[in-house]
């Protein structure tokens, strides 16, 4: 179990206080979803929706970049 989960409603990392998903969690997610890129894309999309509900002051483009950082533009394409 990771300590790098999101701290809600501010969406910072519980392990290192960086914006979630932090680099450590990005590596963990890539490993966890190694054989399931579509599932990773769906998971990240669901988290983006949740974050947008909590972080209403953050521009949508910034949230999108944050949720897909470290995964390329389209995680399922990797």
N, C-alpha and C. Protein backbone atom coordinates (compact mmCIF):
# COMPACT_ATOMS: atom_id res chain seq x y z
N UNK A 1 0.85 -1.18 0.00
CA UNK A 1 0.00 0.00 0.00
C UNK A 1 0.89 1.24 0.00
N UNK A 2 0.56 2.20 -0.81
CA UNK A 2 1.36 3.40 -0.94
C UNK A 2 1.02 4.44 0.12
N UNK A 3 2.01 5.23 0.46
CA UNK A 3 1.76 6.39 1.32
C UNK A 3 1.57 7.63 0.46
N UNK A 4 1.66 7.46 -0.85
CA UNK A 4 1.58 8.58 -1.78
C UNK A 4 0.18 8.73 -2.38
N UNK A 5 -0.83 8.56 -1.56
CA UNK A 5 -2.20 8.77 -1.99
C UNK A 5 -2.58 10.24 -1.86
N UNK A 6 -3.68 10.62 -2.50
CA UNK A 6 -4.10 12.03 -2.44
C UNK A 6 -4.69 12.40 -1.09
N UNK A 7 -4.34 13.59 -0.62
CA UNK A 7 -4.95 14.17 0.58
C UNK A 7 -6.06 15.09 0.06
N UNK A 8 -7.28 14.72 0.37
CA UNK A 8 -8.43 15.47 -0.13
C UNK A 8 -8.86 16.50 0.90
N UNK A 9 -9.41 17.60 0.53
CA UNK A 9 -9.81 18.02 -0.81
C UNK A 9 -8.76 18.84 -1.54
N UNK A 10 -7.53 18.89 -1.02
CA UNK A 10 -6.52 19.74 -1.67
C UNK A 10 -5.68 19.02 -2.70
N UNK A 11 -5.79 17.70 -2.76
CA UNK A 11 -5.10 16.89 -3.76
C UNK A 11 -3.59 17.07 -3.71
N UNK A 12 -3.05 17.05 -2.49
CA UNK A 12 -1.60 16.98 -2.33
C UNK A 12 -1.26 15.55 -1.96
N UNK A 13 -0.01 15.18 -2.10
CA UNK A 13 0.42 13.82 -1.82
C UNK A 13 0.58 13.62 -0.33
N UNK A 14 0.03 12.53 0.18
CA UNK A 14 0.15 12.21 1.59
C UNK A 14 1.54 11.76 1.99
N UNK A 15 2.37 11.40 1.03
CA UNK A 15 3.71 10.93 1.34
C UNK A 15 4.78 12.00 1.25
N UNK A 16 4.59 12.96 0.34
CA UNK A 16 5.66 13.96 0.13
C UNK A 16 5.14 15.38 -0.01
N UNK A 17 3.84 15.57 0.05
CA UNK A 17 3.19 16.88 0.01
C UNK A 17 3.28 17.58 -1.35
N UNK A 18 3.74 16.89 -2.38
CA UNK A 18 3.74 17.45 -3.74
C UNK A 18 2.32 17.38 -4.30
N UNK A 19 2.03 18.11 -5.36
CA UNK A 19 0.72 17.96 -6.01
C UNK A 19 0.54 16.50 -6.44
N UNK A 20 -0.65 15.97 -6.20
CA UNK A 20 -0.92 14.57 -6.53
C UNK A 20 -1.39 14.45 -7.98
N UNK A 21 -0.95 13.46 -8.74
CA UNK A 21 -0.02 12.40 -8.36
C UNK A 21 1.43 12.86 -8.45
N UNK A 22 2.17 12.64 -7.39
CA UNK A 22 3.59 13.00 -7.34
C UNK A 22 4.39 12.04 -8.23
N UNK A 23 5.66 12.31 -8.40
CA UNK A 23 6.49 11.45 -9.25
C UNK A 23 6.55 10.01 -8.75
N UNK A 24 6.60 9.85 -7.42
CA UNK A 24 6.63 8.49 -6.86
C UNK A 24 5.34 7.76 -7.21
N UNK A 25 4.20 8.42 -7.02
CA UNK A 25 2.92 7.77 -7.32
C UNK A 25 2.79 7.51 -8.82
N UNK A 26 3.31 8.40 -9.64
CA UNK A 26 3.29 8.16 -11.08
C UNK A 26 4.04 6.87 -11.41
N UNK A 27 5.22 6.68 -10.82
CA UNK A 27 5.98 5.44 -11.05
C UNK A 27 5.20 4.23 -10.56
N UNK A 28 4.59 4.36 -9.38
CA UNK A 28 3.81 3.25 -8.83
C UNK A 28 2.63 2.90 -9.73
N UNK A 29 1.95 3.93 -10.22
CA UNK A 29 0.80 3.68 -11.10
C UNK A 29 1.23 3.03 -12.41
N UNK A 30 2.35 3.50 -12.99
CA UNK A 30 2.85 2.86 -14.22
C UNK A 30 3.14 1.39 -13.99
N UNK A 31 3.73 1.05 -12.85
CA UNK A 31 4.03 -0.34 -12.53
C UNK A 31 2.74 -1.13 -12.27
N UNK A 32 1.83 -0.53 -11.52
CA UNK A 32 0.57 -1.20 -11.17
C UNK A 32 -0.28 -1.49 -12.40
N UNK A 33 -0.29 -0.57 -13.35
CA UNK A 33 -1.12 -0.71 -14.55
C UNK A 33 -0.28 -1.06 -15.77
N UNK A 34 0.88 -1.68 -15.56
CA UNK A 34 1.82 -1.97 -16.63
C UNK A 34 1.18 -2.67 -17.82
N UNK A 35 0.37 -3.66 -17.56
CA UNK A 35 -0.27 -4.42 -18.65
C UNK A 35 -1.69 -3.95 -18.94
N UNK A 36 -2.08 -2.79 -18.41
CA UNK A 36 -3.45 -2.32 -18.56
C UNK A 36 -3.49 -0.81 -18.79
N UNK A 37 -2.95 -0.34 -19.91
CA UNK A 37 -2.91 1.11 -20.15
C UNK A 37 -4.29 1.76 -20.25
N UNK A 38 -5.27 1.04 -20.75
CA UNK A 38 -6.62 1.59 -20.83
C UNK A 38 -7.18 1.79 -19.42
N UNK A 39 -6.94 0.82 -18.56
CA UNK A 39 -7.39 0.95 -17.17
C UNK A 39 -6.71 2.13 -16.48
N UNK A 40 -5.43 2.34 -16.77
CA UNK A 40 -4.73 3.50 -16.20
C UNK A 40 -5.37 4.79 -16.69
N UNK A 41 -5.67 4.86 -17.96
CA UNK A 41 -6.30 6.07 -18.51
C UNK A 41 -7.67 6.30 -17.86
N UNK A 42 -8.44 5.25 -17.65
CA UNK A 42 -9.74 5.39 -17.00
C UNK A 42 -9.59 5.82 -15.55
N UNK A 43 -8.63 5.24 -14.85
CA UNK A 43 -8.39 5.61 -13.45
C UNK A 43 -8.01 7.08 -13.35
N UNK A 44 -7.05 7.50 -14.18
CA UNK A 44 -6.62 8.90 -14.14
C UNK A 44 -7.75 9.86 -14.52
N UNK A 45 -8.58 9.46 -15.47
CA UNK A 45 -9.72 10.29 -15.85
C UNK A 45 -10.70 10.44 -14.70
N UNK A 46 -10.96 9.36 -13.99
CA UNK A 46 -11.86 9.42 -12.84
C UNK A 46 -11.29 10.33 -11.75
N UNK A 47 -9.98 10.25 -11.53
CA UNK A 47 -9.34 11.12 -10.53
C UNK A 47 -9.40 12.58 -10.97
N UNK A 48 -9.26 12.84 -12.26
CA UNK A 48 -9.37 14.19 -12.79
C UNK A 48 -10.75 14.77 -12.52
N UNK A 49 -11.78 13.98 -12.71
CA UNK A 49 -13.15 14.44 -12.44
C UNK A 49 -13.31 14.75 -10.96
N UNK A 50 -12.82 13.85 -10.10
CA UNK A 50 -12.91 14.08 -8.65
C UNK A 50 -12.17 15.34 -8.25
N UNK A 51 -10.96 15.51 -8.78
CA UNK A 51 -10.16 16.69 -8.44
C UNK A 51 -10.83 17.98 -8.92
N UNK A 52 -11.44 17.94 -10.09
CA UNK A 52 -12.09 19.14 -10.61
C UNK A 52 -13.28 19.56 -9.75
N UNK A 53 -13.90 18.60 -9.08
CA UNK A 53 -15.00 18.93 -8.17
C UNK A 53 -14.48 19.60 -6.90
N UNK A 54 -13.29 19.21 -6.46
CA UNK A 54 -12.71 19.79 -5.23
C UNK A 54 -11.94 21.08 -5.50
N UNK A 55 -11.23 21.12 -6.62
CA UNK A 55 -10.34 22.25 -6.92
C UNK A 55 -10.98 23.17 -7.96
N UNK A 56 -12.10 23.72 -7.62
CA UNK A 56 -12.88 24.51 -8.57
C UNK A 56 -12.16 25.77 -9.05
N UNK A 57 -11.18 26.26 -8.30
CA UNK A 57 -10.45 27.47 -8.67
C UNK A 57 -9.28 27.19 -9.61
N UNK A 58 -8.94 25.92 -9.80
CA UNK A 58 -7.81 25.56 -10.67
C UNK A 58 -8.33 25.40 -12.09
N UNK A 59 -7.70 26.06 -13.07
CA UNK A 59 -8.14 25.92 -14.46
C UNK A 59 -8.12 24.45 -14.91
N UNK A 60 -9.10 24.09 -15.71
CA UNK A 60 -9.22 22.71 -16.17
C UNK A 60 -7.96 22.22 -16.87
N UNK A 61 -7.33 23.07 -17.68
CA UNK A 61 -6.11 22.67 -18.38
C UNK A 61 -4.99 22.33 -17.42
N UNK A 62 -4.90 23.09 -16.34
CA UNK A 62 -3.85 22.82 -15.34
C UNK A 62 -4.10 21.49 -14.65
N UNK A 63 -5.36 21.18 -14.35
CA UNK A 63 -5.67 19.89 -13.74
C UNK A 63 -5.38 18.75 -14.71
N UNK A 64 -5.70 18.95 -15.97
CA UNK A 64 -5.43 17.91 -16.97
C UNK A 64 -3.94 17.64 -17.06
N UNK A 65 -3.14 18.69 -17.13
CA UNK A 65 -1.68 18.50 -17.19
C UNK A 65 -1.17 17.81 -15.94
N UNK A 66 -1.72 18.18 -14.81
CA UNK A 66 -1.30 17.58 -13.55
C UNK A 66 -1.65 16.10 -13.49
N UNK A 67 -2.84 15.74 -13.96
CA UNK A 67 -3.26 14.34 -13.89
C UNK A 67 -2.56 13.47 -14.92
N UNK A 68 -2.10 14.07 -16.00
CA UNK A 68 -1.44 13.26 -17.03
C UNK A 68 0.08 13.42 -17.03
N UNK A 69 0.61 14.24 -16.12
CA UNK A 69 2.06 14.45 -16.05
C UNK A 69 2.76 13.12 -15.79
N UNK A 70 3.82 12.89 -16.51
CA UNK A 70 4.58 11.66 -16.33
C UNK A 70 4.02 10.47 -17.06
N UNK A 71 2.87 10.65 -17.69
CA UNK A 71 2.23 9.55 -18.41
C UNK A 71 2.13 9.84 -19.90
N UNK A 72 2.60 10.99 -20.34
CA UNK A 72 2.40 11.38 -21.73
C UNK A 72 1.03 11.99 -21.89
N UNK A 73 0.73 12.48 -23.07
CA UNK A 73 -0.56 13.12 -23.32
C UNK A 73 -1.72 12.14 -23.12
N UNK A 74 -1.54 10.93 -23.60
CA UNK A 74 -2.58 9.90 -23.49
C UNK A 74 -1.97 8.65 -22.89
N UNK A 75 -2.20 8.40 -21.59
CA UNK A 75 -1.58 7.26 -20.92
C UNK A 75 -1.82 5.93 -21.63
N UNK A 76 -2.97 5.78 -22.26
CA UNK A 76 -3.28 4.50 -22.90
C UNK A 76 -2.42 4.26 -24.13
N UNK A 77 -1.83 5.29 -24.67
CA UNK A 77 -1.04 5.14 -25.90
C UNK A 77 0.38 4.67 -25.62
N UNK A 78 0.81 4.70 -24.37
CA UNK A 78 2.19 4.30 -24.05
C UNK A 78 2.38 2.82 -24.07
